[in-house]
Amino acid sequence: MTEPFEGGFGREERLPCQLYLVSPPAFDLGAHASALDAALSAGGPVAAYQLRLKGAPDDAVLAAAERLRPICAAHDVAFILNDRADLAAACRADGVHLGQGDGSVAEARRLLGPQAQIGVTCHASRHLAMVAGEQGANYVAFGAFFPTGTKQVDHRATPAILRWWTAISPIPCVAIGGITPENCRPLVAAQADFLAVSAAVWASPDPAAAVRAFVPQLTPT
């Protein structure tokens, strides 16, 4: 497991907020591989990259993982697969991100082993976050905090849930949903450990510059 992402887990003092990049929902693999390498070369605090290709055939997901995982490894960035613990195991991902209908933390742990980083979507629910923590999740994800075109938003969260979680639990939390350099400061101030970012980086003509634009926003005032 790579140090920048793993170092955020199980700590008493929270580290500065970092970025957690999430892939576009669809992409040209060659072009996205180049964009990913550029984003990870930008010098920004990127801890993890999640491959999220909902609805894609398994062979397409595995082909993308085969191309993209080594790029993440070269930059010491954790490679996380969305939804499917079985495919995460098949492509030797560093972990898996589970939605509420994607199986249990225990089953993912059985497939991926004790060192895998397993995250769970908790929407805006304190109860779901508590359950995920009790089941052994390595991080919990809250959102959406802002409107997003990446996915349909059925749940809206506020920074209050981040303040609550970081006050009661050392398990890291990820803020997700429409996050940009212009709107992320309240989430950083509420002690989000990671900001999940997608369109703000991949829709930019310069992914490296898009990553760098977050840097001055990631230190709480």
Protein backbone atom coordinates (compact mmCIF):
# COMPACT_ATOMS: atom_id res chain seq x y z
CA MET A 1 0.00 0.00 0.00
CA THR A 2 1.28 3.44 -0.86
CA GLU A 3 2.32 5.73 1.98
CA PRO A 4 0.39 8.97 1.22
CA PHE A 5 -3.03 7.27 1.35
CA GLU A 6 -2.28 4.71 4.04
CA GLY A 7 -0.73 7.35 6.26
CA GLY A 8 -4.12 8.95 6.74
CA PHE A 9 -5.65 5.92 8.43
CA GLY A 10 -5.96 5.30 12.15
CA ARG A 11 -4.28 8.53 13.23
CA GLU A 12 -4.96 10.61 16.31
CA GLU A 13 -3.95 13.90 14.67
CA ARG A 14 -5.42 14.47 11.25
CA LEU A 15 -3.05 15.19 8.40
CA PRO A 16 -3.62 18.05 5.96
CA CYS A 17 -6.42 17.46 3.47
CA GLN A 18 -5.45 15.67 0.26
CA LEU A 19 -7.05 14.97 -3.11
CA TYR A 20 -8.71 11.72 -4.10
CA LEU A 21 -9.15 11.74 -7.87
CA VAL A 22 -12.11 9.90 -9.40
CA SER A 23 -12.06 8.96 -13.06
CA PRO A 24 -14.61 10.32 -15.54
CA PRO A 25 -17.54 7.94 -16.10
CA ALA A 26 -16.25 7.19 -19.61
CA PHE A 27 -13.04 8.04 -21.45
CA ASP A 28 -10.61 7.23 -24.22
CA LEU A 29 -8.06 5.08 -22.43
CA GLY A 30 -4.96 6.47 -24.11
CA ALA A 31 -6.00 10.07 -23.61
CA HIS A 32 -7.02 9.48 -20.01
CA ALA A 33 -3.77 7.67 -19.22
CA SER A 34 -1.87 10.74 -20.41
CA ALA A 35 -4.13 13.04 -18.41
CA LEU A 36 -3.70 10.91 -15.29
CA ASP A 37 0.08 10.94 -15.58
CA ALA A 38 0.01 14.71 -16.02
CA ALA A 39 -2.28 15.20 -13.02
CA LEU A 40 -0.14 13.01 -10.80
CA SER A 41 3.03 14.77 -11.97
CA ALA A 42 1.68 18.17 -10.94
CA GLY A 43 3.17 18.09 -7.45
CA GLY A 44 -0.18 18.39 -5.70
CA PRO A 45 -1.17 16.26 -2.70
CA VAL A 46 -2.98 13.45 -4.53
CA ALA A 47 -3.43 10.43 -2.27
CA ALA A 48 -5.59 8.14 -4.38
CA TYR A 49 -7.20 7.57 -7.76
CA GLN A 50 -10.48 5.71 -8.17
CA LEU A 51 -11.33 3.97 -11.43
CA ARG A 52 -15.09 4.38 -11.76
CA LEU A 53 -16.58 2.88 -14.92
CA LYS A 54 -20.12 2.00 -13.92
CA GLY A 55 -21.83 -0.24 -16.44
CA ALA A 56 -18.67 -1.01 -18.39
CA PRO A 57 -17.94 -4.66 -19.27
CA ASP A 58 -15.55 -6.43 -16.95
CA ASP A 59 -12.90 -6.78 -19.64
CA ALA A 60 -12.98 -3.04 -20.27
CA VAL A 61 -12.56 -2.30 -16.58
CA LEU A 62 -9.65 -4.73 -16.31
CA ALA A 63 -8.02 -3.31 -19.44
CA ALA A 64 -8.28 0.19 -18.02
CA ALA A 65 -6.87 -0.98 -14.69
CA GLU A 66 -3.95 -2.66 -16.42
CA ARG A 67 -3.06 0.63 -18.11
CA LEU A 68 -3.76 3.01 -15.23
CA ARG A 69 -2.63 1.15 -12.12
CA PRO A 70 1.09 1.31 -13.02
CA ILE A 71 0.79 5.08 -13.49
CA CYS A 72 -0.58 5.40 -9.98
CA ALA A 73 2.10 3.11 -8.60
CA ALA A 74 4.83 5.17 -10.24
CA HIS A 75 3.56 8.22 -8.37
CA ASP A 76 2.92 6.45 -5.02
CA VAL A 77 -0.81 7.01 -5.40
CA ALA A 78 -3.29 4.36 -4.29
CA PHE A 79 -5.28 2.74 -7.08
CA ILE A 80 -8.87 2.11 -5.96
CA LEU A 81 -11.56 0.35 -7.97
CA ASN A 82 -15.18 1.35 -7.66
CA ASP A 83 -17.94 -1.08 -6.61
CA ARG A 84 -16.41 -4.48 -7.45
CA ALA A 85 -14.19 -6.18 -4.89
CA ASP A 86 -13.81 -9.18 -7.18
CA LEU A 87 -12.44 -7.06 -10.01
CA ALA A 88 -10.29 -5.13 -7.55
CA ALA A 89 -8.71 -8.43 -6.56
CA ALA A 90 -8.31 -9.50 -10.18
CA CYS A 91 -6.46 -6.30 -11.13
CA ARG A 92 -4.45 -6.12 -7.89
CA ALA A 93 -5.91 -2.78 -6.89
CA ASP A 94 -4.87 -1.21 -3.61
CA GLY A 95 -8.48 -1.19 -2.52
CA VAL A 96 -12.13 -0.88 -3.40
CA HIS A 97 -14.82 1.72 -2.89
CA LEU A 98 -18.18 0.19 -2.00
CA GLY A 99 -21.58 1.74 -2.54
CA GLN A 100 -24.41 0.74 -0.24
CA GLY A 101 -25.45 -2.03 -2.63
CA ASP A 102 -22.00 -3.33 -3.51
CA GLY A 103 -21.47 -6.01 -0.89
CA SER A 104 -20.04 -6.06 2.59
CA VAL A 105 -16.77 -4.78 3.98
CA ALA A 106 -16.13 -8.29 5.34
CA GLU A 107 -16.43 -9.91 1.92
CA ALA A 108 -14.23 -7.25 0.34
CA ARG A 109 -11.66 -7.82 3.07
CA ARG A 110 -11.75 -11.56 2.44
CA LEU A 111 -11.09 -11.02 -1.26
CA LEU A 112 -8.51 -8.26 -0.96
CA GLY A 113 -6.66 -9.01 2.26
CA PRO A 114 -5.83 -7.08 5.42
CA GLN A 115 -3.77 -4.39 3.72
CA ALA A 116 -6.47 -3.30 1.26
CA GLN A 117 -8.05 0.10 1.65
CA ILE A 118 -11.83 -0.30 1.72
CA GLY A 119 -14.07 2.73 1.58
CA VAL A 120 -17.84 2.95 1.91
CA THR A 121 -20.31 5.49 0.55
CA CYS A 122 -22.37 6.85 3.44
CA HIS A 123 -24.27 9.64 1.64
CA ALA A 124 -25.35 12.10 4.35
CA SER A 125 -26.05 9.43 6.97
CA ARG A 126 -24.40 9.33 10.37
CA HIS A 127 -25.85 5.87 10.90
CA LEU A 128 -24.32 4.45 7.72
CA ALA A 129 -20.96 5.92 8.67
CA MET A 130 -21.08 4.36 12.13
CA VAL A 131 -21.97 0.98 10.64
CA ALA A 132 -19.15 1.22 8.07
CA GLY A 133 -16.67 2.06 10.79
CA GLU A 134 -17.83 -0.81 12.97
CA GLN A 135 -17.48 -3.19 10.01
CA GLY A 136 -13.85 -2.22 9.47
CA ALA A 137 -13.97 0.31 6.64
CA ASN A 138 -10.74 2.25 6.18
CA TYR A 139 -12.58 5.40 5.20
CA VAL A 140 -16.13 6.70 4.86
CA ALA A 141 -17.36 8.97 2.06
CA PHE A 142 -19.98 11.68 2.50
CA GLY A 143 -21.82 13.64 -0.17
CA ALA A 144 -22.82 15.03 -2.47
CA PHE A 145 -21.86 18.45 -1.14
CA PHE A 146 -22.50 20.33 -4.38
CA PRO A 147 -24.37 19.69 -7.64
CA THR A 148 -22.43 17.42 -9.97
CA GLY A 149 -22.79 16.21 -13.51
CA THR A 150 -20.75 13.07 -12.84
CA LYS A 151 -23.63 11.13 -11.28
CA GLN A 152 -27.25 11.54 -10.23
CA VAL A 153 -27.43 13.17 -6.81
CA ASP A 154 -30.03 11.68 -4.48
CA HIS A 155 -28.39 12.75 -1.20
CA ARG A 156 -27.03 16.14 -0.17
CA ALA A 157 -24.58 16.56 2.68
CA THR A 158 -23.37 19.62 4.56
CA PRO A 159 -20.01 20.31 6.23
CA ALA A 160 -21.62 19.64 9.61
CA ILE A 161 -21.39 15.89 9.01
CA LEU A 162 -17.64 16.19 8.46
CA ARG A 163 -17.21 18.14 11.70
CA TRP A 164 -19.26 15.54 13.56
CA TRP A 165 -17.36 12.59 12.13
CA THR A 166 -13.88 13.99 12.69
CA ALA A 167 -14.81 14.81 16.28
CA ILE A 168 -15.80 11.23 17.11
CA SER A 169 -13.71 8.99 14.86
CA PRO A 170 -10.09 8.66 13.69
CA ILE A 171 -11.31 6.90 10.51
CA PRO A 172 -10.72 9.25 7.58
CA CYS A 173 -13.58 10.82 5.69
CA VAL A 174 -13.85 11.71 2.03
CA ALA A 175 -16.01 14.58 0.81
CA ILE A 176 -17.48 14.05 -2.65
CA GLY A 177 -19.73 15.77 -5.14
CA GLY A 178 -19.11 18.77 -7.38
CA ILE A 179 -15.97 19.90 -5.54
CA THR A 180 -13.82 22.62 -7.11
CA PRO A 181 -11.03 24.92 -5.92
CA GLU A 182 -13.61 27.67 -5.66
CA ASN A 183 -16.04 25.86 -3.32
CA CYS A 184 -13.89 23.47 -1.30
CA ARG A 185 -12.79 25.72 1.57
CA PRO A 186 -15.78 24.94 3.87
CA LEU A 187 -15.05 21.21 3.49
CA VAL A 188 -11.38 21.70 4.34
CA ALA A 189 -12.34 23.88 7.30
CA ALA A 190 -14.69 21.09 8.47
CA GLN A 191 -11.65 18.76 8.48
CA ALA A 192 -12.37 16.57 5.49
CA ASP A 193 -9.39 14.25 5.15
CA PHE A 194 -9.77 13.86 1.39
CA LEU A 195 -11.61 15.74 -1.33
CA ALA A 196 -12.91 13.47 -4.09
CA VAL A 197 -12.50 15.38 -7.34
CA SER A 198 -13.47 14.42 -10.87
CA ALA A 199 -14.76 16.99 -13.36
CA ALA A 200 -12.73 19.82 -11.82
CA VAL A 201 -9.61 18.01 -13.03
CA TRP A 202 -10.62 15.93 -16.06
CA ALA A 203 -12.78 18.58 -17.72
CA SER A 204 -9.82 20.95 -17.64
CA PRO A 205 -7.61 21.24 -20.72
CA ASP A 206 -4.66 21.15 -18.28
CA PRO A 207 -5.18 18.48 -15.58
CA ALA A 208 -1.87 19.34 -13.91
CA ALA A 209 -2.85 22.98 -13.53
CA ALA A 210 -6.27 21.89 -12.26
CA VAL A 211 -4.63 19.82 -9.52
CA ARG A 212 -2.28 22.67 -8.59
CA ALA A 213 -5.25 25.03 -8.29
CA PHE A 214 -6.42 23.06 -5.24
CA VAL A 215 -3.12 23.33 -3.37
CA PRO A 216 -3.63 26.76 -1.70
CA GLN A 217 -7.12 25.70 -0.62
CA LEU A 218 -6.14 22.54 1.25
CA THR A 219 -4.73 24.07 4.45
CA PRO A 220 -7.32 25.06 7.07
CA THR A 221 -7.22 28.69 8.16
